[in-house]
Amino acid sequence: MHLSNNLGEVAIQDVVKSHPRIGEILNDFDIGCVDCGVGICLLKDVVAIHALGEEIEERIEKQINDYLKES
């Protein structure tokens, strides 16, 4: 997963604090990690661990990168 601003290397809790819209994108794909009490997993790992398949991961990557370009 190649995310703008190296965001894939950031803990999910920090990503969601800075970019709540990314949490919404993940929720749209039934990735509920944004509510995790620990929140230390890296964004790229949060997506990969759900084994959604390459096509879905590419859609998530595109939506996140499109959002980052707009903000």
Protein backbone atom coordinates (compact mmCIF):
# COMPACT_ATOMS: atom_id res chain seq x y z
CA MET A 1 0.00 0.00 0.00
CA HIS A 2 1.47 3.30 -1.12
CA LEU A 3 -0.15 6.24 0.64
CA SER A 4 0.68 9.90 0.21
CA ASN A 5 2.76 11.59 2.89
CA ASN A 6 4.02 8.17 4.07
CA LEU A 7 0.75 7.88 5.98
CA GLY A 8 0.84 4.09 5.83
CA GLU A 9 3.64 4.19 8.40
CA VAL A 10 1.53 6.08 10.96
CA ALA A 11 -0.43 4.47 13.83
CA ILE A 12 -4.14 4.22 13.08
CA GLN A 13 -5.10 6.25 16.17
CA ASP A 14 -2.95 9.16 14.96
CA VAL A 15 -4.25 8.89 11.41
CA VAL A 16 -7.88 9.04 12.55
CA LYS A 17 -7.21 11.98 14.88
CA SER A 18 -5.63 13.96 12.05
CA HIS A 19 -7.89 12.68 9.27
CA PRO A 20 -11.30 11.47 10.50
CA ARG A 21 -12.38 10.96 6.88
CA ILE A 22 -9.87 8.11 6.58
CA GLY A 23 -11.63 6.39 9.46
CA GLU A 24 -14.88 6.72 7.52
CA ILE A 25 -13.26 5.22 4.42
CA LEU A 26 -12.03 2.24 6.45
CA ASN A 27 -15.46 1.80 8.03
CA ASP A 28 -16.99 1.72 4.55
CA PHE A 29 -14.95 -1.45 3.96
CA ASP A 30 -15.90 -2.96 7.34
CA ILE A 31 -12.51 -2.24 8.86
CA GLY A 32 -13.54 -1.28 12.37
CA CYS A 33 -10.03 -0.74 13.70
CA VAL A 34 -10.66 2.96 14.07
CA ASP A 35 -12.51 2.25 17.33
CA CYS A 36 -9.70 0.12 18.76
CA GLY A 37 -8.64 1.17 22.24
CA VAL A 38 -4.99 0.41 21.53
CA GLY A 39 -4.68 1.93 18.05
CA ILE A 40 -0.95 1.35 17.57
CA CYS A 41 -1.18 -0.68 14.35
CA LEU A 42 0.15 1.11 11.30
CA LEU A 43 -2.45 2.18 8.75
CA LYS A 44 -0.93 -0.04 6.05
CA ASP A 45 -1.10 -3.05 8.40
CA VAL A 46 -4.69 -2.34 9.43
CA VAL A 47 -5.73 -2.75 5.81
CA ALA A 48 -3.44 -5.69 5.01
CA ILE A 49 -4.38 -7.78 8.05
CA HIS A 50 -8.01 -7.94 6.92
CA ALA A 51 -6.97 -9.85 3.77
CA LEU A 52 -9.57 -8.12 1.62
CA GLY A 53 -7.74 -8.91 -1.60
CA GLU A 54 -5.66 -6.81 -3.91
CA GLU A 55 -8.57 -5.16 -5.71
CA ILE A 56 -10.22 -3.92 -2.50
CA GLU A 57 -6.88 -2.78 -1.05
CA GLU A 58 -6.26 -0.79 -4.24
CA ARG A 59 -9.70 0.83 -3.91
CA ILE A 60 -8.96 1.79 -0.29
CA GLU A 61 -5.55 3.13 -1.27
CA LYS A 62 -7.06 5.21 -4.08
CA GLN A 63 -9.82 6.63 -1.88
CA ILE A 64 -7.35 7.60 0.84
CA ASN A 65 -4.89 9.16 -1.62
CA ASP A 66 -7.70 11.04 -3.40
CA TYR A 67 -8.88 12.39 -0.04
CA LEU A 68 -5.33 13.47 0.85
CA LYS A 69 -4.95 15.31 -2.47
CA GLU A 70 -8.18 17.22 -1.80
CA SER A 71 -7.31 18.21 1.77
